[in-house]
Every structure is written in C-alpha cells, then in structure tokens.
Amino acid sequence: MSVPLAEKPAKCGDAAKRLADEITLHAIAGSAGKWAAITLADGSCDHTPYDTRSDAVRHQASPEYCTFVLIPPDGMTVREADVLLHFWRQAHDAGFRAIDPRDDIPSMPLRPEEAREQIRLFGGRL
C-alpha cells in the first residue's frame, strides 16, 4: 500500500517554498493562465508572467536549467511545489530537456508509479 502524497516527506525544502510563493503571488496579481519560468536549482523565478510557454523559454539565459509552470488561478501550495520540483529535477537528471520553445512537454503524472515510468522513459533524451 502506498503512502498518500500529502503524508510523504518533503524533498525540496526552501526551493519549494520559494516556488509556491512565486506562483501564488503571480496568481494574486492576476496572471493566472500565463507561464512562469522556474529555476530547478532553487525554485526562483524572474518575476515575469509570460503569455506563452514559448515566450518563457525564449527569455531565459539557460532554459535547460528551468521548468515552466502554467500559473493556476488559486496559486500553489508548498506541497504542490515540492512535488512539481522533485519531478522535474528527476526528469532533468534523467536527461530530459525541453528547451526548444516548440517542444511539446509531457504532463506531470499524478501517480508515483506513472512518474517513475515517465522518468525512466526520459533517460538519454538530450
């Protein structure tokens, strides 16, 4: 029996808190439906909401070290940010890079076993 997501220990610490704050501030400022570029290393953001994911990718000096988040209308909890960062860090470590603005990126899986399989499939993609 697997442990419910809400009961699993956090993995990303302050980076997840930073990401949750950034996305929630964007939502409060009325930027829901726009994109934020998030640095995988520390969860920081350039504080700019972009109209498209392509715009967000193009405006980063090092997009290969970022993930791109569609800003939800109700912001993001620290737990959601932790799960998101952990997944995309694992994808990055497995070799996945979605740096071409035209790349169609996969959706983040909802179940742990789906996440493990998707990470496995990312292996070797440069």
C-alpha atoms as a PDB file:
ATOM      1  CA  MET A   1       0.000   0.000   0.000  1.00  0.00           C
ATOM      2  CA  SER A   2       1.481   3.348  -0.985  1.00  0.00           C
ATOM      3  CA  VAL A   3       1.661   6.360   1.296  1.00  0.00           C
ATOM      4  CA  PRO A   4      -0.691   9.227   0.315  1.00  0.00           C
ATOM      5  CA  LEU A   5       1.130  12.109  -1.315  1.00  0.00           C
ATOM      6  CA  ALA A   6       0.231  14.554   1.458  1.00  0.00           C
ATOM      7  CA  GLU A   7       1.933  12.278   4.003  1.00  0.00           C
ATOM      8  CA  LYS A   8       5.201  11.825   2.130  1.00  0.00           C
ATOM      9  CA  PRO A   9       8.179  13.822   3.394  1.00  0.00           C
ATOM     10  CA  ALA A  10       9.101  16.990   1.524  1.00  0.00           C
ATOM     11  CA  LYS A  11      12.159  16.748  -0.715  1.00  0.00           C
ATOM     12  CA  CYS A  12      12.892  20.252  -1.960  1.00  0.00           C
ATOM     13  CA  GLY A  13      12.790  22.426   1.185  1.00  0.00           C
ATOM     14  CA  ASP A  14      13.233  26.156   0.690  1.00  0.00           C
ATOM     15  CA  ALA A  15      13.149  25.829  -3.092  1.00  0.00           C
ATOM     16  CA  ALA A  16       9.571  24.528  -2.870  1.00  0.00           C
ATOM     17  CA  LYS A  17       8.594  27.367  -0.528  1.00  0.00           C
ATOM     18  CA  ARG A  18      10.104  29.896  -2.921  1.00  0.00           C
ATOM     19  CA  LEU A  19       8.285  28.350  -5.899  1.00  0.00           C
ATOM     20  CA  ALA A  20       4.939  28.262  -4.060  1.00  0.00           C
ATOM     21  CA  ASP A  21       5.336  31.925  -3.059  1.00  0.00           C
ATOM     22  CA  GLU A  22       6.234  32.984  -6.610  1.00  0.00           C
ATOM     23  CA  ILE A  23       3.313  31.180  -8.239  1.00  0.00           C
ATOM     24  CA  THR A  24       0.839  32.350  -5.586  1.00  0.00           C
ATOM     25  CA  LEU A  25       1.979  35.962  -5.987  1.00  0.00           C
ATOM     26  CA  HIS A  26       1.539  35.680  -9.753  1.00  0.00           C
ATOM     27  CA  ALA A  27      -1.987  34.328  -9.213  1.00  0.00           C
ATOM     28  CA  ILE A  28      -2.867  37.140  -6.785  1.00  0.00           C
ATOM     29  CA  ALA A  29      -1.545  39.674  -9.302  1.00  0.00           C
ATOM     30  CA  GLY A  30      -3.986  38.368 -11.917  1.00  0.00           C
ATOM     31  CA  SER A  31      -1.551  36.334 -14.019  1.00  0.00           C
ATOM     32  CA  ALA A  32      -3.482  33.050 -13.958  1.00  0.00           C
ATOM     33  CA  GLY A  33      -3.237  31.307 -17.317  1.00  0.00           C
ATOM     34  CA  LYS A  34       0.196  32.747 -18.037  1.00  0.00           C
ATOM     35  CA  TRP A  35       3.544  30.968 -17.666  1.00  0.00           C
ATOM     36  CA  ALA A  36       6.366  31.331 -15.150  1.00  0.00           C
ATOM     37  CA  ALA A  37       9.948  30.207 -15.687  1.00  0.00           C
ATOM     38  CA  ILE A  38      11.280  28.448 -12.594  1.00  0.00           C
ATOM     39  CA  THR A  39      14.933  27.642 -11.897  1.00  0.00           C
ATOM     40  CA  LEU A  40      15.243  23.982 -10.913  1.00  0.00           C
ATOM     41  CA  ALA A  41      18.192  24.565  -8.591  1.00  0.00           C
ATOM     42  CA  ASP A  42      16.478  26.882  -6.131  1.00  0.00           C
ATOM     43  CA  GLY A  43      12.844  27.393  -7.185  1.00  0.00           C
ATOM     44  CA  SER A  44      13.440  31.039  -8.056  1.00  0.00           C
ATOM     45  CA  CYS A  45      11.649  32.930 -10.791  1.00  0.00           C
ATOM     46  CA  ASP A  46      12.355  36.010 -12.909  1.00  0.00           C
ATOM     47  CA  HIS A  47       9.050  37.518 -11.645  1.00  0.00           C
ATOM     48  CA  THR A  48       7.721  37.812 -15.187  1.00  0.00           C
ATOM     49  CA  PRO A  49       4.462  36.195 -16.290  1.00  0.00           C
ATOM     50  CA  TYR A  50       4.715  35.138 -19.939  1.00  0.00           C
ATOM     51  CA  ASP A  51       1.775  34.809 -22.317  1.00  0.00           C
ATOM     52  CA  THR A  52       3.072  31.521 -23.740  1.00  0.00           C
ATOM     53  CA  ARG A  53       5.431  28.768 -22.683  1.00  0.00           C
ATOM     54  CA  SER A  54       7.480  29.563 -25.793  1.00  0.00           C
ATOM     55  CA  ASP A  55       7.963  33.154 -24.597  1.00  0.00           C
ATOM     56  CA  ALA A  56       9.062  31.933 -21.170  1.00  0.00           C
ATOM     57  CA  VAL A  57      11.624  29.569 -22.725  1.00  0.00           C
ATOM     58  CA  ARG A  58      12.976  32.208 -25.119  1.00  0.00           C
ATOM     59  CA  HIS A  59      13.564  34.755 -22.344  1.00  0.00           C
ATOM     60  CA  GLN A  60      15.744  32.502 -20.179  1.00  0.00           C
ATOM     61  CA  ALA A  61      19.533  32.668 -20.380  1.00  0.00           C
ATOM     62  CA  SER A  62      19.735  28.952 -19.505  1.00  0.00           C
ATOM     63  CA  PRO A  63      16.371  27.312 -20.200  1.00  0.00           C
ATOM     64  CA  GLU A  64      17.896  23.854 -19.782  1.00  0.00           C
ATOM     65  CA  TYR A  65      18.026  24.535 -16.030  1.00  0.00           C
ATOM     66  CA  CYS A  66      14.392  25.657 -15.797  1.00  0.00           C
ATOM     67  CA  THR A  67      10.919  24.276 -15.769  1.00  0.00           C
ATOM     68  CA  PHE A  68       7.908  26.208 -16.969  1.00  0.00           C
ATOM     69  CA  VAL A  69       4.726  26.413 -14.931  1.00  0.00           C
ATOM     70  CA  LEU A  70       1.245  27.394 -16.068  1.00  0.00           C
ATOM     71  CA  ILE A  71       0.017  29.725 -13.319  1.00  0.00           C
ATOM     72  CA  PRO A  72      -3.187  28.416 -11.718  1.00  0.00           C
ATOM     73  CA  PRO A  73      -5.882  30.848 -10.522  1.00  0.00           C
ATOM     74  CA  ASP A  74      -5.598  29.737  -6.897  1.00  0.00           C
ATOM     75  CA  GLY A  75      -1.811  29.765  -6.582  1.00  0.00           C
ATOM     76  CA  MET A  76       0.262  26.825  -5.379  1.00  0.00           C
ATOM     77  CA  THR A  77       0.793  25.144  -2.028  1.00  0.00           C
ATOM     78  CA  VAL A  78       4.252  24.281  -0.760  1.00  0.00           C
ATOM     79  CA  ARG A  79       3.383  20.597  -1.098  1.00  0.00           C
ATOM     80  CA  GLU A  80       2.371  21.028  -4.741  1.00  0.00           C
ATOM     81  CA  ALA A  81       5.560  22.980  -5.401  1.00  0.00           C
ATOM     82  CA  ASP A  82       7.631  20.267  -3.734  1.00  0.00           C
ATOM     83  CA  VAL A  83       6.105  17.530  -5.890  1.00  0.00           C
ATOM     84  CA  LEU A  84       6.497  19.613  -9.056  1.00  0.00           C
ATOM     85  CA  LEU A  85      10.148  20.492  -8.377  1.00  0.00           C
ATOM     86  CA  HIS A  86      11.042  16.958  -7.377  1.00  0.00           C
ATOM     87  CA  PHE A  87       9.513  15.522 -10.560  1.00  0.00           C
ATOM     88  CA  TRP A  88      11.186  17.998 -12.922  1.00  0.00           C
ATOM     89  CA  ARG A  89      14.530  17.664 -11.133  1.00  0.00           C
ATOM     90  CA  GLN A  90      14.334  13.895 -11.631  1.00  0.00           C
ATOM     91  CA  ALA A  91      13.405  14.418 -15.293  1.00  0.00           C
ATOM     92  CA  HIS A  92      16.380  16.763 -15.698  1.00  0.00           C
ATOM     93  CA  ASP A  93      18.724  14.280 -14.017  1.00  0.00           C
ATOM     94  CA  ALA A  94      17.432  11.591 -16.392  1.00  0.00           C
ATOM     95  CA  GLY A  95      18.459  13.755 -19.360  1.00  0.00           C
ATOM     96  CA  PHE A  96      15.158  15.413 -20.295  1.00  0.00           C
ATOM     97  CA  ARG A  97      15.460  18.923 -21.696  1.00  0.00           C
ATOM     98  CA  ALA A  98      12.517  20.849 -23.147  1.00  0.00           C
ATOM     99  CA  ILE A  99      14.436  23.892 -24.283  1.00  0.00           C
ATOM    100  CA  ASP A 100      13.068  24.300 -27.777  1.00  0.00           C
ATOM    101  CA  PRO A 101      10.115  26.685 -27.441  1.00  0.00           C
ATOM    102  CA  ARG A 102       8.173  24.432 -29.813  1.00  0.00           C
ATOM    103  CA  ASP A 103       8.664  21.316 -27.646  1.00  0.00           C
ATOM    104  CA  ASP A 104       5.502  19.666 -26.514  1.00  0.00           C
ATOM    105  CA  ILE A 105       6.269  18.759 -22.918  1.00  0.00           C
ATOM    106  CA  PRO A 106       4.542  15.887 -21.160  1.00  0.00           C
ATOM    107  CA  SER A 107       2.122  16.457 -18.319  1.00  0.00           C
ATOM    108  CA  MET A 108       3.366  15.713 -14.850  1.00  0.00           C
ATOM    109  CA  PRO A 109       1.937  12.334 -13.797  1.00  0.00           C
ATOM    110  CA  LEU A 110      -0.408  12.106 -10.845  1.00  0.00           C
ATOM    111  CA  ARG A 111       0.561   8.681  -9.509  1.00  0.00           C
ATOM    112  CA  PRO A 112       4.072   7.768  -8.265  1.00  0.00           C
ATOM    113  CA  GLU A 113       4.319   4.682 -10.469  1.00  0.00           C
ATOM    114  CA  GLU A 114       3.461   6.777 -13.552  1.00  0.00           C
ATOM    115  CA  ALA A 115       6.101   9.315 -12.556  1.00  0.00           C
ATOM    116  CA  ARG A 116       8.757   6.599 -12.220  1.00  0.00           C
ATOM    117  CA  GLU A 117       7.886   5.227 -15.649  1.00  0.00           C
ATOM    118  CA  GLN A 118       7.961   8.651 -17.278  1.00  0.00           C
ATOM    119  CA  ILE A 119      11.341   9.434 -15.656  1.00  0.00           C
ATOM    120  CA  ARG A 120      12.648   6.097 -16.958  1.00  0.00           C
ATOM    121  CA  LEU A 121      11.475   6.987 -20.472  1.00  0.00           C
ATOM    122  CA  PHE A 122      13.185  10.383 -20.270  1.00  0.00           C
ATOM    123  CA  GLY A 123      16.577   8.722 -19.778  1.00  0.00           C
ATOM    124  CA  GLY A 124      19.004   9.602 -22.511  1.00  0.00           C
ATOM    125  CA  ARG A 125      16.976  12.377 -24.156  1.00  0.00           C
ATOM    126  CA  LEU A 126      19.144  15.419 -24.697  1.00  0.00           C
END
